[in-house]
Amino acid sequence: MILQSFLTNRFLSLEGKLYSGNLSEVQYRIESALDNTSSLIVDLDLLEKLDIAGAYMLYLTTETARENNKEIILFCRKNNMVKRIFTYVGIRYYNKIPRANA
């Protein structure tokens, strides 16, 4: 039950498109999920489209969370499109879920 609570309250998977046309909707979804926890894992593997505006919104959202003593972990294990964009713009992501206090 503890694992189920962790997954329900601390894990958010983004699917479909994240681009300039839906930034505020996705940002609201992330911030709402972060209201319930101090640390949130955002899985990006199911994204089909991501533009620079979407990547920048994710970056700004993680920085805002950090300034409020919260954490957003951007997680991408297999989506090469996301990896290329994040590498190009210099956004840190994880391909393994990091251990606590690691």
C-alpha atoms as a PDB file:
ATOM      1  CA  MET A   1       0.000   0.000   0.000  1.00  0.00           C
ATOM      2  CA  ILE A   2       2.897   2.405   0.675  1.00  0.00           C
ATOM      3  CA  LEU A   3       4.230   1.837  -2.856  1.00  0.00           C
ATOM      4  CA  GLN A   4       0.765   2.470  -4.314  1.00  0.00           C
ATOM      5  CA  SER A   5       0.521   5.729  -2.364  1.00  0.00           C
ATOM      6  CA  PHE A   6       3.984   6.741  -3.581  1.00  0.00           C
ATOM      7  CA  LEU A   7       3.104   6.033  -7.194  1.00  0.00           C
ATOM      8  CA  THR A   8      -0.269   7.739  -6.981  1.00  0.00           C
ATOM      9  CA  ASN A   9       0.952  10.882  -5.252  1.00  0.00           C
ATOM     10  CA  ARG A  10       4.476  11.277  -6.602  1.00  0.00           C
ATOM     11  CA  PHE A  11       4.422  10.095 -10.206  1.00  0.00           C
ATOM     12  CA  LEU A  12       2.990  11.870 -13.243  1.00  0.00           C
ATOM     13  CA  SER A  13       3.243  10.590 -16.789  1.00  0.00           C
ATOM     14  CA  LEU A  14       2.951  13.051 -19.667  1.00  0.00           C
ATOM     15  CA  GLU A  15       1.571  11.648 -22.913  1.00  0.00           C
ATOM     16  CA  GLY A  16       0.926  13.014 -26.377  1.00  0.00           C
ATOM     17  CA  LYS A  17       2.126  16.512 -27.209  1.00  0.00           C
ATOM     18  CA  LEU A  18       3.852  19.150 -25.120  1.00  0.00           C
ATOM     19  CA  TYR A  19       4.261  22.247 -27.214  1.00  0.00           C
ATOM     20  CA  SER A  20       3.492  25.962 -27.221  1.00  0.00           C
ATOM     21  CA  GLY A  21      -0.229  25.272 -27.763  1.00  0.00           C
ATOM     22  CA  ASN A  22      -0.823  23.456 -24.459  1.00  0.00           C
ATOM     23  CA  LEU A  23       1.867  24.716 -22.081  1.00  0.00           C
ATOM     24  CA  SER A  24      -0.395  26.301 -19.493  1.00  0.00           C
ATOM     25  CA  GLU A  25      -2.620  23.216 -19.283  1.00  0.00           C
ATOM     26  CA  VAL A  26       0.344  20.879 -18.734  1.00  0.00           C
ATOM     27  CA  GLN A  27       2.041  23.276 -16.326  1.00  0.00           C
ATOM     28  CA  TYR A  28      -1.170  23.458 -14.281  1.00  0.00           C
ATOM     29  CA  ARG A  29      -1.331  19.653 -14.216  1.00  0.00           C
ATOM     30  CA  ILE A  30       2.255  19.405 -12.943  1.00  0.00           C
ATOM     31  CA  GLU A  31       1.813  22.132 -10.334  1.00  0.00           C
ATOM     32  CA  SER A  32      -1.445  20.575  -9.103  1.00  0.00           C
ATOM     33  CA  ALA A  33       0.269  17.213  -8.682  1.00  0.00           C
ATOM     34  CA  LEU A  34       3.126  18.918  -6.820  1.00  0.00           C
ATOM     35  CA  ASP A  35       0.646  20.471  -4.383  1.00  0.00           C
ATOM     36  CA  ASN A  36       0.204  16.993  -2.846  1.00  0.00           C
ATOM     37  CA  THR A  37       3.872  16.122  -2.361  1.00  0.00           C
ATOM     38  CA  SER A  38       7.321  17.621  -1.940  1.00  0.00           C
ATOM     39  CA  SER A  39       8.848  15.493  -4.686  1.00  0.00           C
ATOM     40  CA  LEU A  40       7.302  14.601  -8.040  1.00  0.00           C
ATOM     41  CA  ILE A  41       8.621  12.334 -10.784  1.00  0.00           C
ATOM     42  CA  VAL A  42       7.457  13.403 -14.247  1.00  0.00           C
ATOM     43  CA  ASP A  43       7.788  10.588 -16.801  1.00  0.00           C
ATOM     44  CA  LEU A  44       8.389  11.926 -20.321  1.00  0.00           C
ATOM     45  CA  ASP A  45       8.762   8.622 -22.186  1.00  0.00           C
ATOM     46  CA  LEU A  46       5.260   8.694 -23.705  1.00  0.00           C
ATOM     47  CA  LEU A  47       5.558  12.155 -25.246  1.00  0.00           C
ATOM     48  CA  GLU A  48       5.057  12.113 -29.009  1.00  0.00           C
ATOM     49  CA  LYS A  49       5.918  15.761 -29.588  1.00  0.00           C
ATOM     50  CA  LEU A  50       7.993  18.226 -27.591  1.00  0.00           C
ATOM     51  CA  ASP A  51       9.129  21.644 -28.753  1.00  0.00           C
ATOM     52  CA  ILE A  52      11.618  24.045 -27.205  1.00  0.00           C
ATOM     53  CA  ALA A  53       8.814  26.009 -25.528  1.00  0.00           C
ATOM     54  CA  GLY A  54       7.611  22.809 -23.830  1.00  0.00           C
ATOM     55  CA  ALA A  55      11.121  21.921 -22.701  1.00  0.00           C
ATOM     56  CA  TYR A  56      11.644  25.431 -21.336  1.00  0.00           C
ATOM     57  CA  MET A  57       8.343  25.275 -19.428  1.00  0.00           C
ATOM     58  CA  LEU A  58       9.485  22.014 -17.807  1.00  0.00           C
ATOM     59  CA  TYR A  59      12.768  23.648 -16.858  1.00  0.00           C
ATOM     60  CA  LEU A  60      11.071  26.724 -15.375  1.00  0.00           C
ATOM     61  CA  THR A  61       8.607  24.551 -13.466  1.00  0.00           C
ATOM     62  CA  THR A  62      11.451  22.519 -11.924  1.00  0.00           C
ATOM     63  CA  GLU A  63      13.280  25.721 -10.955  1.00  0.00           C
ATOM     64  CA  THR A  64      10.149  27.221  -9.378  1.00  0.00           C
ATOM     65  CA  ALA A  65       9.605  24.002  -7.422  1.00  0.00           C
ATOM     66  CA  ARG A  66      13.216  24.085  -6.199  1.00  0.00           C
ATOM     67  CA  GLU A  67      12.817  27.693  -5.053  1.00  0.00           C
ATOM     68  CA  ASN A  68       9.792  26.517  -3.015  1.00  0.00           C
ATOM     69  CA  ASN A  69      11.762  23.648  -1.414  1.00  0.00           C
ATOM     70  CA  LYS A  70      10.130  21.052  -3.631  1.00  0.00           C
ATOM     71  CA  GLU A  71      11.543  18.796  -6.314  1.00  0.00           C
ATOM     72  CA  ILE A  72      10.486  17.784  -9.804  1.00  0.00           C
ATOM     73  CA  ILE A  73      12.473  14.937 -11.316  1.00  0.00           C
ATOM     74  CA  LEU A  74      12.267  14.813 -15.108  1.00  0.00           C
ATOM     75  CA  PHE A  75      12.471  11.134 -16.038  1.00  0.00           C
ATOM     76  CA  CYS A  76      13.129   9.784 -19.529  1.00  0.00           C
ATOM     77  CA  ARG A  77      14.507   6.328 -20.124  1.00  0.00           C
ATOM     78  CA  LYS A  78      13.719   5.562 -23.769  1.00  0.00           C
ATOM     79  CA  ASN A  79      12.307   8.576 -25.637  1.00  0.00           C
ATOM     80  CA  ASN A  80      15.183   9.665 -27.884  1.00  0.00           C
ATOM     81  CA  MET A  81      13.362  12.792 -29.081  1.00  0.00           C
ATOM     82  CA  VAL A  82      13.093  14.091 -25.502  1.00  0.00           C
ATOM     83  CA  LYS A  83      16.699  13.145 -24.767  1.00  0.00           C
ATOM     84  CA  ARG A  84      17.958  15.001 -27.855  1.00  0.00           C
ATOM     85  CA  ILE A  85      16.011  18.167 -27.040  1.00  0.00           C
ATOM     86  CA  PHE A  86      17.038  18.162 -23.371  1.00  0.00           C
ATOM     87  CA  THR A  87      20.680  17.582 -24.290  1.00  0.00           C
ATOM     88  CA  TYR A  88      20.531  20.351 -26.898  1.00  0.00           C
ATOM     89  CA  VAL A  89      19.121  22.942 -24.494  1.00  0.00           C
ATOM     90  CA  GLY A  90      21.021  21.674 -21.444  1.00  0.00           C
ATOM     91  CA  ILE A  91      18.151  20.425 -19.283  1.00  0.00           C
ATOM     92  CA  ARG A  92      19.003  17.688 -16.809  1.00  0.00           C
ATOM     93  CA  TYR A  93      16.908  14.532 -16.880  1.00  0.00           C
ATOM     94  CA  TYR A  94      17.204  11.105 -15.286  1.00  0.00           C
ATOM     95  CA  ASN A  95      17.138   7.765 -17.092  1.00  0.00           C
ATOM     96  CA  LYS A  96      16.881   5.913 -13.779  1.00  0.00           C
ATOM     97  CA  ILE A  97      14.781   6.959 -10.840  1.00  0.00           C
ATOM     98  CA  PRO A  98      17.285   8.467  -8.414  1.00  0.00           C
ATOM     99  CA  ARG A  99      17.584   7.167  -4.898  1.00  0.00           C
ATOM    100  CA  ALA A 100      16.553   9.391  -2.032  1.00  0.00           C
ATOM    101  CA  ASN A 101      19.366  11.665  -0.871  1.00  0.00           C
ATOM    102  CA  ALA A 102      21.592  10.508  -3.749  1.00  0.00           C
END
